[in-house]
Amino acid sequence: MRRITKHARGLWLNDYVRVIGNHAKGYVKGFKSNGYYVYLTDGLGNYVLNNGKNYINGQQCRLIMHNGNWQKAEQKLSLYKFK
């Protein structure tokens, strides 16, 4: 039986983090291998990729903001065309 992990190694689900190396930012969506790896998504729900993989080493993630388990969405106006 697999249990759902809400936090691991100082990070919680939906925390906003920065990835060291490629400077990507995203929200924590899940954990892999007891928290050694983290799944991140951007504000639109797309996975943040690192070397073609959809998970990132947890030691490369630095906390920007703890969201108290609330998901915040960021959308930029440059993504849309206005007529």
N, C-alpha and C. Protein backbone atom coordinates (compact mmCIF):
# COMPACT_ATOMS: atom_id res chain seq x y z
N MET A 1 0.84 -1.18 0.00
CA MET A 1 0.00 0.00 0.00
C MET A 1 0.89 1.24 0.00
N ARG A 2 0.55 2.19 -0.83
CA ARG A 2 1.35 3.40 -0.97
C ARG A 2 0.64 4.56 -0.29
N ARG A 3 1.36 5.32 0.49
CA ARG A 3 0.74 6.46 1.15
C ARG A 3 1.15 7.75 0.44
N ILE A 4 0.29 8.70 0.51
CA ILE A 4 0.55 9.99 -0.12
C ILE A 4 1.34 10.86 0.86
N THR A 5 2.47 11.35 0.41
CA THR A 5 3.34 12.16 1.25
C THR A 5 3.01 13.63 1.06
N LYS A 6 2.76 14.33 2.15
CA LYS A 6 2.46 15.75 2.09
C LYS A 6 3.70 16.62 2.21
N HIS A 7 4.76 16.06 2.81
CA HIS A 7 6.00 16.82 2.96
C HIS A 7 7.18 15.86 3.00
N ALA A 8 8.32 16.37 2.59
CA ALA A 8 9.55 15.56 2.65
C ALA A 8 10.75 16.50 2.61
N ARG A 9 11.69 16.27 3.50
CA ARG A 9 12.98 16.97 3.52
C ARG A 9 12.84 18.50 3.47
N GLY A 10 11.89 19.02 4.25
CA GLY A 10 11.74 20.46 4.37
C GLY A 10 10.84 21.11 3.34
N LEU A 11 10.32 20.36 2.38
CA LEU A 11 9.41 20.90 1.38
C LEU A 11 8.02 20.29 1.57
N TRP A 12 6.99 21.09 1.33
CA TRP A 12 5.61 20.65 1.41
C TRP A 12 4.97 20.73 0.03
N LEU A 13 3.89 19.99 -0.15
CA LEU A 13 3.14 20.10 -1.40
C LEU A 13 2.72 21.54 -1.63
N ASN A 14 2.79 22.00 -2.86
CA ASN A 14 2.41 23.34 -3.31
C ASN A 14 3.35 24.44 -2.87
N ASP A 15 4.50 24.11 -2.28
CA ASP A 15 5.51 25.14 -2.01
C ASP A 15 6.07 25.66 -3.32
N TYR A 16 6.39 26.94 -3.35
CA TYR A 16 6.97 27.57 -4.54
C TYR A 16 8.48 27.54 -4.38
N VAL A 17 9.19 26.90 -5.32
CA VAL A 17 10.63 26.70 -5.18
C VAL A 17 11.36 27.14 -6.45
N ARG A 18 12.66 27.35 -6.28
CA ARG A 18 13.57 27.68 -7.40
C ARG A 18 14.56 26.54 -7.53
N VAL A 19 14.87 26.19 -8.77
CA VAL A 19 15.82 25.11 -9.04
C VAL A 19 17.19 25.71 -9.29
N ILE A 20 18.18 25.26 -8.53
CA ILE A 20 19.55 25.74 -8.70
C ILE A 20 20.12 25.12 -9.97
N GLY A 21 20.77 25.93 -10.77
CA GLY A 21 21.37 25.44 -12.00
C GLY A 21 20.68 26.00 -13.23
N ASN A 22 19.38 25.71 -13.37
CA ASN A 22 18.67 26.25 -14.54
C ASN A 22 17.72 27.39 -14.17
N HIS A 23 17.65 27.75 -12.89
CA HIS A 23 16.86 28.88 -12.39
C HIS A 23 15.38 28.78 -12.73
N ALA A 24 14.88 27.57 -12.94
CA ALA A 24 13.45 27.37 -13.16
C ALA A 24 12.73 27.52 -11.82
N LYS A 25 11.46 27.89 -11.89
CA LYS A 25 10.64 28.02 -10.70
C LYS A 25 9.38 27.20 -10.88
N GLY A 26 8.86 26.66 -9.78
CA GLY A 26 7.65 25.86 -9.89
C GLY A 26 7.09 25.49 -8.54
N TYR A 27 5.94 24.84 -8.60
CA TYR A 27 5.23 24.39 -7.41
C TYR A 27 5.46 22.90 -7.21
N VAL A 28 5.68 22.49 -5.97
CA VAL A 28 5.89 21.08 -5.65
C VAL A 28 4.57 20.35 -5.81
N LYS A 29 4.55 19.34 -6.68
CA LYS A 29 3.35 18.56 -6.93
C LYS A 29 3.42 17.16 -6.37
N GLY A 30 4.61 16.69 -6.06
CA GLY A 30 4.74 15.35 -5.51
C GLY A 30 6.18 15.01 -5.22
N PHE A 31 6.36 13.84 -4.61
CA PHE A 31 7.69 13.39 -4.21
C PHE A 31 7.94 11.98 -4.74
N LYS A 32 9.20 11.66 -4.93
CA LYS A 32 9.61 10.34 -5.42
C LYS A 32 10.78 9.88 -4.58
N SER A 33 10.87 8.61 -4.32
CA SER A 33 11.99 8.01 -3.57
C SER A 33 12.20 8.66 -2.22
N ASN A 34 11.15 8.68 -1.42
CA ASN A 34 11.20 9.23 -0.05
C ASN A 34 11.63 10.69 -0.01
N GLY A 35 11.33 11.45 -1.04
CA GLY A 35 11.63 12.87 -1.04
C GLY A 35 12.95 13.25 -1.66
N TYR A 36 13.71 12.28 -2.13
CA TYR A 36 14.98 12.63 -2.79
C TYR A 36 14.73 13.38 -4.09
N TYR A 37 13.62 13.07 -4.75
CA TYR A 37 13.25 13.74 -6.00
C TYR A 37 11.90 14.41 -5.83
N VAL A 38 11.71 15.52 -6.56
CA VAL A 38 10.51 16.33 -6.44
C VAL A 38 9.92 16.54 -7.82
N TYR A 39 8.59 16.45 -7.92
CA TYR A 39 7.89 16.80 -9.14
C TYR A 39 7.46 18.25 -9.04
N LEU A 40 7.80 19.07 -10.03
CA LEU A 40 7.45 20.49 -10.04
C LEU A 40 6.59 20.81 -11.25
N THR A 41 5.64 21.72 -11.05
CA THR A 41 4.85 22.24 -12.18
C THR A 41 4.93 23.76 -12.18
N ASP A 42 4.75 24.34 -13.37
CA ASP A 42 4.71 25.79 -13.46
C ASP A 42 3.30 26.28 -13.14
N GLY A 43 3.06 27.56 -13.29
CA GLY A 43 1.76 28.14 -12.97
C GLY A 43 0.63 27.66 -13.85
N LEU A 44 0.94 27.07 -15.00
CA LEU A 44 -0.09 26.57 -15.91
C LEU A 44 -0.29 25.06 -15.79
N GLY A 45 0.44 24.41 -14.89
CA GLY A 45 0.26 22.99 -14.66
C GLY A 45 1.20 22.09 -15.45
N ASN A 46 2.11 22.66 -16.23
CA ASN A 46 3.06 21.87 -17.00
C ASN A 46 4.25 21.49 -16.12
N TYR A 47 4.74 20.27 -16.29
CA TYR A 47 5.89 19.83 -15.50
C TYR A 47 7.14 20.62 -15.87
N VAL A 48 7.92 20.98 -14.86
CA VAL A 48 9.22 21.61 -15.06
C VAL A 48 10.21 20.48 -15.33
N LEU A 49 10.86 20.51 -16.48
CA LEU A 49 11.75 19.43 -16.88
C LEU A 49 13.20 19.77 -16.56
N ASN A 50 13.95 18.75 -16.19
CA ASN A 50 15.38 18.90 -15.93
C ASN A 50 16.07 17.73 -16.62
N ASN A 51 16.85 18.02 -17.65
CA ASN A 51 17.53 16.99 -18.45
C ASN A 51 16.55 15.98 -19.03
N GLY A 52 15.39 16.44 -19.44
CA GLY A 52 14.38 15.58 -20.05
C GLY A 52 13.56 14.76 -19.08
N LYS A 53 13.75 14.94 -17.78
CA LYS A 53 12.99 14.19 -16.78
C LYS A 53 12.01 15.13 -16.09
N ASN A 54 10.87 14.58 -15.68
CA ASN A 54 9.86 15.43 -15.04
C ASN A 54 10.02 15.49 -13.52
N TYR A 55 11.12 15.01 -13.00
CA TYR A 55 11.42 15.13 -11.57
C TYR A 55 12.81 15.73 -11.41
N ILE A 56 13.02 16.37 -10.25
CA ILE A 56 14.25 17.12 -9.99
C ILE A 56 14.79 16.68 -8.63
N ASN A 57 16.09 16.62 -8.51
CA ASN A 57 16.72 16.29 -7.24
C ASN A 57 16.30 17.32 -6.19
N GLY A 58 15.82 16.84 -5.06
CA GLY A 58 15.33 17.72 -4.01
C GLY A 58 16.40 18.64 -3.44
N GLN A 59 17.67 18.25 -3.53
CA GLN A 59 18.75 19.09 -3.02
C GLN A 59 18.99 20.31 -3.90
N GLN A 60 18.48 20.30 -5.13
CA GLN A 60 18.63 21.43 -6.04
C GLN A 60 17.51 22.45 -5.88
N CYS A 61 16.52 22.16 -5.05
CA CYS A 61 15.37 23.05 -4.87
C CYS A 61 15.57 23.95 -3.66
N ARG A 62 15.31 25.23 -3.85
CA ARG A 62 15.38 26.20 -2.76
C ARG A 62 14.01 26.84 -2.59
N LEU A 63 13.53 26.85 -1.37
CA LEU A 63 12.20 27.37 -1.06
C LEU A 63 12.13 28.88 -1.31
N ILE A 64 11.14 29.30 -2.05
CA ILE A 64 10.86 30.72 -2.23
C ILE A 64 9.74 31.13 -1.30
N MET A 65 8.65 30.33 -1.29
CA MET A 65 7.50 30.68 -0.48
C MET A 65 6.70 29.43 -0.12
N HIS A 66 6.32 29.33 1.13
CA HIS A 66 5.45 28.25 1.57
C HIS A 66 4.02 28.71 1.41
N ASN A 67 3.20 27.93 0.71
CA ASN A 67 1.84 28.35 0.41
C ASN A 67 0.80 27.77 1.36
N GLY A 68 1.21 27.13 2.41
CA GLY A 68 0.24 26.60 3.37
C GLY A 68 -0.69 25.58 2.73
N ASN A 69 -0.16 24.81 1.79
CA ASN A 69 -0.89 23.78 1.06
C ASN A 69 -1.99 24.34 0.16
N TRP A 70 -1.94 25.62 -0.15
CA TRP A 70 -2.86 26.23 -1.11
C TRP A 70 -2.11 26.40 -2.42
N GLN A 71 -2.74 26.03 -3.50
CA GLN A 71 -2.13 26.19 -4.82
C GLN A 71 -2.45 27.58 -5.35
N LYS A 72 -1.43 28.28 -5.75
CA LYS A 72 -1.59 29.58 -6.38
C LYS A 72 -1.26 29.45 -7.85
N ALA A 73 -1.99 30.12 -8.69
CA ALA A 73 -1.74 30.06 -10.12
C ALA A 73 -1.24 31.41 -10.61
N GLU A 74 -0.19 31.37 -11.39
CA GLU A 74 0.33 32.59 -12.00
C GLU A 74 0.15 32.49 -13.49
N GLN A 75 -0.46 33.48 -14.07
CA GLN A 75 -0.61 33.51 -15.51
C GLN A 75 -0.16 34.87 -15.99
N LYS A 76 0.61 34.85 -17.06
CA LYS A 76 1.13 36.09 -17.59
C LYS A 76 0.28 36.51 -18.78
N LEU A 77 0.03 37.80 -18.89
CA LEU A 77 -0.78 38.29 -19.97
C LEU A 77 -0.14 38.08 -21.33
N SER A 78 1.17 37.92 -21.37
CA SER A 78 1.85 37.74 -22.65
C SER A 78 1.52 36.41 -23.29
N LEU A 79 0.88 35.49 -22.54
CA LEU A 79 0.50 34.20 -23.09
C LEU A 79 -0.76 34.28 -23.94
N TYR A 80 -1.50 35.36 -23.82
CA TYR A 80 -2.78 35.49 -24.50
C TYR A 80 -2.75 36.60 -25.53
N LYS A 81 -3.51 36.42 -26.59
CA LYS A 81 -3.66 37.46 -27.59
C LYS A 81 -4.98 38.18 -27.34
N PHE A 82 -4.91 39.48 -27.29
CA PHE A 82 -6.11 40.28 -27.13
C PHE A 82 -6.47 40.89 -28.46
N LYS A 83 -7.74 40.85 -28.80
CA LYS A 83 -8.20 41.42 -30.07
C LYS A 83 -9.07 42.62 -29.83
